[in-house]
Amino acid sequence: MADTRVISADSHFVEPPDMWAERVDKQFRDRAPHTVKGYGGREGEFFVCENIAPIPVAGFFGAGVPSAELAAHNRKGFESAPASVWDPAARIVDQDRDGLQAEVIYTSMGMPLYGLDDVSLRVACFQAYNDWAVEYCSHDPKRLLPLGLVTLEDIDAGVKELERVAKKGMRGAMIWAEPPADRPYSHTDYDPFWAAASDLNIPLSLHILTGRKGMGVDFFKDNLALQVSTLHHEVERSIAVFVLGGVLERFPKLTIVSAENDVAWMPYFMWRMDFAHGRVGQASGAPVKLTMKPSEYIKRQVYASFIEEPILLDGFHRYAADNAMWSSDYPHTAAIWPRSQEFIKETFSGLSDADRQKVVHDTAARIYNIE
């Protein structure tokens, strides 16, 4: 099998440590996200901002570090970061080494900022990031494809920011993986935002670790295996709301992306929603009218990215080729870099050329309008 054309549907920036302070609106500069070495007596460098629990930065650029060396690596700081953190030309070199044609690139440090309590500060941080990410990717906009950050306390402001980043050339936007409990995504307050995303043809991503509750050191400290094993649950709940709450019925052109939450659970989830809707969907006091089965909305409008998940092949006939998108996760610790071509050949050797090409290239190219 020759090298396959590959797009990573979920890679990451690592924002330089001084980026926020240099770019955030002046009134917030003394409160901007930043890094601190030796925070609380701990070894290493930590990303900090107000109520966000400090996060060791080295995990954001652990790609290619052998497992036996990760503990020592995670105690390091930005002096160990790859050149691609600062230099987009170096990023292209790393793409070539991994055999990628392009990357859809998400934030790293912006993820925990979804948990910031001060909404005005969060908005300012997101705007600063969006501008920086566009500038970074302007080096090669056909291979470096940025996704923006949008928060939705103020829907009108969220619409304006979505329109602004779309005009700048961003290919998609991240929203909360799960919104505040008192305003789920089925609330009609959000409808102007769903309409704008549909009109702009901007996919909206629900990325791992971007719920309103936030994340931080406690996530890494408190039973990490348990935390990682259940990470997809908040996105699972949000997708159920989009489908069973009637959002995808009302907005048939809206595209939702489950990012880095894996895929193998999706076929069961689709069956479970079909079963629940068929059995008890009309038993509530205010039933939501759906014109299709829940699983059909998933196939029509919900996409999912994954990294290293061969088990998805077990349910491939139910949900995969037209909806699942492989991602390298570079430069995070979970990344397969620089062995992505090798992994693809080993894992998807049993698929037809057409199906393999959809998963590792064509589906991402289609929803993000990648040439």
Protein backbone atom coordinates (compact mmCIF):
# COMPACT_ATOMS: atom_id res chain seq x y z
CA MET A 1 0.00 0.00 0.00
CA ALA A 2 1.46 3.33 -1.05
CA ASP A 3 1.40 6.28 1.29
CA THR A 4 -2.18 7.47 1.74
CA ARG A 5 -3.35 11.06 1.37
CA VAL A 6 -3.99 12.16 4.95
CA ILE A 7 -5.60 15.11 6.69
CA SER A 8 -5.51 15.26 10.47
CA ALA A 9 -9.00 16.35 11.52
CA ASP A 10 -7.82 17.27 15.02
CA SER A 11 -4.33 18.60 15.68
CA HIS A 12 -3.36 21.36 18.10
CA PHE A 13 -1.54 24.60 18.47
CA VAL A 14 0.50 25.13 21.59
CA GLU A 15 0.13 28.82 22.30
CA PRO A 16 3.45 30.53 23.15
CA PRO A 17 3.55 31.48 26.85
CA ASP A 18 3.48 35.24 26.23
CA MET A 19 0.85 35.22 23.47
CA TRP A 20 -2.14 36.02 25.69
CA ALA A 21 -0.49 38.90 27.57
CA GLU A 22 0.72 40.43 24.32
CA ARG A 23 -2.62 40.23 22.50
CA VAL A 24 -5.48 40.34 24.98
CA ASP A 25 -7.40 43.61 25.31
CA LYS A 26 -5.42 46.10 27.40
CA GLN A 27 -7.90 46.15 30.26
CA PHE A 28 -7.22 42.44 30.87
CA ARG A 29 -3.44 42.31 30.36
CA ASP A 30 -2.63 42.03 34.07
CA ARG A 31 -5.07 39.10 34.27
CA ALA A 32 -4.10 37.34 31.04
CA PRO A 33 -3.35 33.62 30.95
CA HIS A 34 0.36 32.97 31.47
CA THR A 35 2.80 30.33 32.65
CA VAL A 36 4.60 29.98 35.96
CA LYS A 37 7.62 27.82 36.68
CA GLY A 38 7.59 25.79 39.86
CA TYR A 39 3.99 26.58 40.73
CA GLY A 40 3.18 25.69 44.32
CA GLY A 41 6.53 24.04 44.74
CA ARG A 42 5.85 21.60 41.90
CA GLU A 43 8.58 20.97 39.36
CA GLY A 44 7.87 22.15 35.84
CA GLU A 45 6.03 24.98 34.10
CA PHE A 46 2.29 25.53 34.56
CA PHE A 47 -0.43 27.32 32.63
CA VAL A 48 -2.47 29.50 35.01
CA CYS A 49 -5.35 31.96 34.83
CA GLU A 50 -7.61 33.03 37.68
CA ASN A 51 -9.97 30.19 38.71
CA ILE A 52 -8.41 27.68 36.27
CA ALA A 53 -6.45 25.03 38.14
CA PRO A 54 -2.78 25.12 37.02
CA ILE A 55 -1.92 22.72 34.20
CA PRO A 56 1.59 21.39 33.42
CA VAL A 57 2.46 22.65 29.95
CA ALA A 58 4.76 19.82 28.86
CA GLY A 59 1.80 17.51 28.24
CA PHE A 60 0.74 19.83 25.45
CA PHE A 61 3.86 18.90 23.46
CA GLY A 62 4.62 15.29 24.42
CA ALA A 63 4.33 13.84 20.90
CA GLY A 64 7.05 11.33 20.15
CA VAL A 65 8.26 11.10 23.76
CA PRO A 66 8.65 7.40 24.77
CA SER A 67 6.32 6.25 27.55
CA ALA A 68 9.21 5.53 29.89
CA GLU A 69 10.35 9.15 29.58
CA LEU A 70 6.97 10.87 29.97
CA ALA A 71 7.17 11.41 33.72
CA ALA A 72 10.46 13.29 33.38
CA HIS A 73 9.21 15.13 30.28
CA ASN A 74 6.10 16.36 32.08
CA ARG A 75 8.30 18.16 34.61
CA LYS A 76 9.84 20.29 31.84
CA GLY A 77 8.77 23.64 30.44
CA PHE A 78 8.62 25.53 27.17
CA GLU A 79 12.36 25.15 26.69
CA SER A 80 11.55 21.58 25.57
CA ALA A 81 8.77 22.54 23.16
CA PRO A 82 9.14 21.83 19.43
CA ALA A 83 9.96 24.72 17.11
CA SER A 84 6.46 24.49 15.63
CA VAL A 85 5.08 26.19 18.74
CA TRP A 86 6.52 29.47 17.45
CA ASP A 87 7.28 28.82 13.79
CA PRO A 88 4.59 27.69 11.29
CA ALA A 89 7.32 26.80 8.79
CA ALA A 90 8.60 24.25 11.31
CA ARG A 91 5.04 22.96 11.55
CA ILE A 92 5.01 22.20 7.83
CA VAL A 93 8.29 20.30 8.25
CA ASP A 94 6.66 18.19 10.98
CA GLN A 95 3.63 17.58 8.74
CA ASP A 96 5.91 16.35 5.97
CA ARG A 97 7.76 14.07 8.37
CA ASP A 98 4.41 12.54 9.39
CA GLY A 99 3.08 12.28 5.84
CA LEU A 100 0.20 14.75 6.23
CA GLN A 101 -1.29 16.99 3.57
CA ALA A 102 -3.01 19.30 6.07
CA GLU A 103 -4.16 19.71 9.66
CA VAL A 104 -7.36 21.07 11.17
CA ILE A 105 -5.86 22.78 14.21
CA TYR A 106 -7.50 23.28 17.60
CA THR A 107 -6.29 25.24 20.59
CA SER A 108 -4.44 23.66 23.53
CA MET A 109 -4.49 26.19 26.34
CA GLY A 110 -7.78 27.64 25.17
CA MET A 111 -9.52 24.42 26.19
CA PRO A 112 -9.36 25.00 29.96
CA LEU A 113 -10.32 28.64 29.42
CA TYR A 114 -13.87 27.48 28.68
CA GLY A 115 -14.03 27.04 32.44
CA LEU A 116 -13.10 30.67 33.25
CA ASP A 117 -15.71 32.22 35.52
CA ASP A 118 -15.22 35.79 34.26
CA VAL A 119 -17.08 35.88 30.95
CA SER A 120 -15.55 39.20 29.83
CA LEU A 121 -12.05 37.86 30.38
CA ARG A 122 -12.91 34.65 28.53
CA VAL A 123 -14.28 36.62 25.55
CA ALA A 124 -11.13 38.75 25.42
CA CYS A 125 -8.90 35.67 25.59
CA PHE A 126 -10.84 33.95 22.81
CA GLN A 127 -10.65 36.97 20.53
CA ALA A 128 -6.90 37.29 21.11
CA TYR A 129 -6.42 33.60 20.35
CA ASN A 130 -8.54 33.74 17.19
CA ASP A 131 -6.45 36.58 15.79
CA TRP A 132 -3.17 34.86 16.66
CA ALA A 133 -4.27 31.52 15.16
CA VAL A 134 -5.26 33.15 11.86
CA GLU A 135 -1.92 34.94 11.64
CA TYR A 136 -0.01 31.72 12.38
CA CYS A 137 -1.89 29.78 9.71
CA SER A 138 -1.49 32.51 7.11
CA HIS A 139 1.95 30.99 6.47
CA ASP A 140 0.23 28.22 4.48
CA PRO A 141 -3.58 28.41 4.66
CA LYS A 142 -4.02 25.30 2.52
CA ARG A 143 -2.18 23.10 5.04
CA LEU A 144 -2.75 24.96 8.32
CA LEU A 145 -6.48 25.25 9.01
CA PRO A 146 -7.43 27.01 12.27
CA LEU A 147 -10.61 26.58 14.30
CA GLY A 148 -11.87 29.46 16.41
CA LEU A 149 -13.06 29.78 20.00
CA VAL A 150 -16.54 31.12 20.78
CA THR A 151 -18.40 31.37 24.07
CA LEU A 152 -22.18 31.57 24.24
CA GLU A 153 -23.34 33.42 27.34
CA ASP A 154 -24.22 36.31 25.02
CA ILE A 155 -25.70 34.78 21.88
CA ASP A 156 -25.62 37.97 19.80
CA ALA A 157 -21.94 38.49 20.64
CA GLY A 158 -21.28 34.83 19.83
CA VAL A 159 -22.86 35.26 16.40
CA LYS A 160 -20.72 38.34 15.72
CA GLU A 161 -17.54 36.52 16.71
CA LEU A 162 -18.49 33.53 14.55
CA GLU A 163 -19.04 35.84 11.60
CA ARG A 164 -15.76 37.62 12.32
CA VAL A 165 -13.64 34.46 12.41
CA ALA A 166 -15.38 33.04 9.35
CA LYS A 167 -14.50 36.21 7.46
CA LYS A 168 -10.88 35.75 8.58
CA GLY A 169 -10.87 32.27 7.03
CA MET A 170 -11.32 29.99 10.03
CA ARG A 171 -12.81 26.64 9.01
CA GLY A 172 -14.83 25.93 12.14
CA ALA A 173 -15.38 26.95 15.75
CA MET A 174 -15.37 25.35 19.17
CA ILE A 175 -18.20 25.81 21.64
CA TRP A 176 -18.66 24.25 25.07
CA ALA A 177 -18.53 20.47 25.01
CA GLU A 178 -21.40 20.78 27.45
CA PRO A 179 -23.07 24.10 28.30
CA PRO A 180 -24.29 25.25 31.71
CA ALA A 181 -26.97 22.92 33.03
CA ASP A 182 -29.58 25.68 33.24
CA ARG A 183 -29.37 26.41 29.52
CA PRO A 184 -28.91 23.20 27.47
CA TYR A 185 -28.29 23.43 23.74
CA SER A 186 -31.95 22.69 23.02
CA HIS A 187 -32.90 26.09 24.49
CA THR A 188 -34.27 28.37 21.80
CA ASP A 189 -31.94 31.17 22.96
CA TYR A 190 -29.21 29.46 20.92
CA ASP A 191 -31.22 29.36 17.69
CA PRO A 192 -29.67 32.51 16.16
CA PHE A 193 -26.23 30.98 16.65
CA TRP A 194 -27.23 27.65 15.06
CA ALA A 195 -28.73 29.61 12.16
CA ALA A 196 -25.53 31.62 11.70
CA ALA A 197 -23.32 28.51 11.77
CA SER A 198 -25.61 26.88 9.20
CA ASP A 199 -25.59 29.91 6.90
CA LEU A 200 -21.81 30.28 7.16
CA ASN A 201 -21.25 26.54 6.69
CA ILE A 202 -19.10 26.52 9.84
CA PRO A 203 -18.87 23.16 11.66
CA LEU A 204 -19.16 23.49 15.44
CA SER A 205 -16.86 21.33 17.53
CA LEU A 206 -17.51 19.79 20.94
CA HIS A 207 -13.93 19.00 21.93
CA ILE A 208 -12.83 16.86 24.80
CA LEU A 209 -12.15 18.83 28.02
CA THR A 210 -14.05 21.99 27.04
CA GLY A 211 -17.14 21.73 29.20
CA ARG A 212 -18.23 24.69 31.29
CA LYS A 213 -16.92 22.94 34.42
CA GLY A 214 -13.36 23.28 33.20
CA MET A 215 -10.26 21.19 33.89
CA GLY A 216 -6.90 21.49 35.58
CA VAL A 217 -4.37 19.75 37.80
CA ASP A 218 -7.13 17.94 39.67
CA PHE A 219 -8.07 16.20 36.45
CA PHE A 220 -4.57 14.74 36.19
CA LYS A 221 -4.28 14.02 39.91
CA ASP A 222 -7.57 12.32 40.79
CA ASN A 223 -7.76 8.77 39.37
CA LEU A 224 -6.62 9.61 35.86
CA ALA A 225 -7.77 6.24 34.47
CA LEU A 226 -11.31 6.92 35.66
CA GLN A 227 -11.26 10.44 34.25
CA VAL A 228 -10.01 9.36 30.83
CA SER A 229 -12.41 6.41 30.65
CA THR A 230 -15.46 8.64 31.01
CA LEU A 231 -14.35 11.75 29.13
CA HIS A 232 -16.79 11.29 26.28
CA HIS A 233 -19.86 11.41 28.50
CA GLU A 234 -20.35 15.18 28.44
CA VAL A 235 -20.22 15.24 24.64
CA GLU A 236 -22.52 12.22 24.53
CA ARG A 237 -25.07 14.17 26.56
CA SER A 238 -24.73 17.23 24.33
CA ILE A 239 -25.23 15.20 21.16
CA ALA A 240 -28.35 13.65 22.70
CA VAL A 241 -29.67 17.16 23.34
CA PHE A 242 -28.91 18.25 19.77
CA VAL A 243 -30.81 15.24 18.42
CA LEU A 244 -33.61 14.53 20.90
CA GLY A 245 -34.07 18.21 21.74
CA GLY A 246 -34.92 18.89 18.10
CA VAL A 247 -31.99 21.18 17.23
CA LEU A 248 -30.86 19.12 14.23
CA GLU A 249 -34.48 18.82 13.12
CA ARG A 250 -34.85 22.61 13.11
CA PHE A 251 -31.42 23.24 11.58
CA PRO A 252 -30.80 20.52 8.99
CA LYS A 253 -27.65 22.21 7.66
CA LEU A 254 -25.97 22.52 11.07
CA THR A 255 -22.79 20.42 11.36
CA ILE A 256 -21.62 19.17 14.76
CA VAL A 257 -18.20 17.59 15.36
CA SER A 258 -17.41 15.40 18.34
CA ALA A 259 -13.68 16.02 18.62
CA GLU A 260 -11.27 13.56 20.22
CA ASN A 261 -14.02 11.65 22.01
CA ASP A 262 -13.48 8.49 19.90
CA VAL A 263 -16.06 6.76 17.74
CA ALA A 264 -16.70 3.14 18.72
CA TRP A 265 -19.39 4.11 21.24
CA MET A 266 -21.41 5.92 18.60
CA PRO A 267 -23.20 2.91 16.99
CA TYR A 268 -24.53 1.78 20.38
CA PHE A 269 -25.48 5.35 21.25
CA MET A 270 -27.38 5.69 17.98
CA TRP A 271 -29.28 2.45 18.70
CA ARG A 272 -29.98 3.56 22.27
CA MET A 273 -31.47 6.87 21.15
CA ASP A 274 -33.59 5.14 18.49
CA PHE A 275 -34.86 2.72 21.13
CA ALA A 276 -35.54 5.42 23.72
CA HIS A 277 -37.26 7.75 21.28
CA GLY A 278 -39.39 4.97 19.83
CA ARG A 279 -40.40 3.61 23.23
CA VAL A 280 -40.85 6.67 25.45
CA GLY A 281 -40.27 9.69 23.21
CA GLN A 282 -43.94 10.65 23.17
CA ALA A 283 -44.55 9.97 26.85
CA SER A 284 -43.18 13.28 28.16
CA GLY A 285 -45.32 16.33 28.82
CA ALA A 286 -43.85 18.22 25.85
CA PRO A 287 -42.67 15.66 23.29
CA VAL A 288 -40.27 16.85 20.60
CA LYS A 289 -41.43 16.04 17.09
CA LEU A 290 -38.76 14.35 14.98
CA THR A 291 -39.35 13.42 11.36
CA MET A 292 -36.51 10.88 11.30
CA LYS A 293 -34.96 8.35 13.64
CA PRO A 294 -32.34 9.86 15.98
CA SER A 295 -29.64 7.77 14.32
CA GLU A 296 -30.45 9.34 10.96
CA TYR A 297 -29.72 12.83 12.29
CA ILE A 298 -26.37 11.54 13.57
CA LYS A 299 -25.47 10.17 10.15
CA ARG A 300 -26.61 13.37 8.44
CA GLN A 301 -25.07 16.01 10.70
CA VAL A 302 -22.72 14.64 13.38
CA TYR A 303 -19.07 13.80 12.73
CA ALA A 304 -16.50 12.38 15.11
CA SER A 305 -12.71 12.42 15.23
CA PHE A 306 -10.48 9.79 16.81
CA ILE A 307 -6.75 9.14 17.24
CA GLU A 308 -5.76 5.55 17.96
CA GLU A 309 -8.93 3.47 18.10
CA PRO A 310 -8.90 0.22 16.09
CA ILE A 311 -12.07 -0.98 17.86
CA LEU A 312 -14.14 1.41 15.74
CA LEU A 313 -13.80 -1.13 12.91
CA ASP A 314 -16.17 -3.45 14.81
CA GLY A 315 -19.06 -1.07 14.15
CA PHE A 316 -17.77 0.38 10.91
CA HIS A 317 -20.82 -0.72 8.94
CA ARG A 318 -23.05 1.36 11.22
CA TYR A 319 -21.07 4.58 11.61
CA ALA A 320 -17.64 5.39 10.24
CA ALA A 321 -16.61 5.99 6.64
CA ASP A 322 -18.80 9.01 5.95
CA ASN A 323 -18.67 10.43 9.49
CA ALA A 324 -15.48 9.37 11.28
CA MET A 325 -12.28 11.37 10.81
CA TRP A 326 -8.82 10.28 11.84
CA SER A 327 -6.63 12.77 13.69
CA SER A 328 -2.98 12.86 14.68
CA ASP A 329 -3.48 15.02 17.82
CA TYR A 330 -0.01 16.50 17.19
CA PRO A 331 1.80 17.68 19.27
CA HIS A 332 -0.05 16.29 22.31
CA THR A 333 1.12 13.26 24.23
CA ALA A 334 -1.52 11.02 22.66
CA ALA A 335 -0.18 11.78 19.17
CA ILE A 336 1.10 8.97 16.99
CA TRP A 337 3.52 11.40 15.30
CA PRO A 338 5.75 10.77 13.42
CA ARG A 339 4.28 7.28 12.71
CA SER A 340 0.88 8.25 11.33
CA GLN A 341 1.32 6.66 7.90
CA GLU A 342 2.53 3.47 9.59
CA PHE A 343 -0.46 3.43 11.95
CA ILE A 344 -2.93 4.00 9.12
CA LYS A 345 -1.46 1.16 7.06
CA GLU A 346 -1.56 -1.26 9.99
CA THR A 347 -4.96 -0.32 11.38
CA PHE A 348 -7.00 0.17 8.21
CA SER A 349 -5.41 -2.41 5.93
CA GLY A 350 -8.68 -4.40 5.88
CA LEU A 351 -10.75 -1.52 4.55
CA SER A 352 -11.40 -0.77 0.94
CA ASP A 353 -9.28 1.99 -0.54
CA ALA A 354 -12.38 4.18 -0.78
CA ASP A 355 -13.42 3.73 2.86
CA ARG A 356 -9.90 4.22 4.17
CA GLN A 357 -9.52 7.38 2.12
CA LYS A 358 -12.77 8.76 3.53
CA VAL A 359 -11.69 8.21 7.14
CA VAL A 360 -8.20 9.67 6.82
CA HIS A 361 -8.83 12.38 4.23
CA ASP A 362 -12.04 12.81 2.27
CA THR A 363 -14.59 13.32 5.06
CA ALA A 364 -12.51 16.02 6.73
CA ALA A 365 -11.83 17.63 3.35
CA ARG A 366 -15.56 17.71 2.64
CA ILE A 367 -16.84 19.23 5.87
CA TYR A 368 -13.98 21.76 6.18
CA ASN A 369 -13.87 22.65 2.47
CA ILE A 370 -10.23 21.68 2.12
CA GLU A 371 -8.85 21.72 -1.41
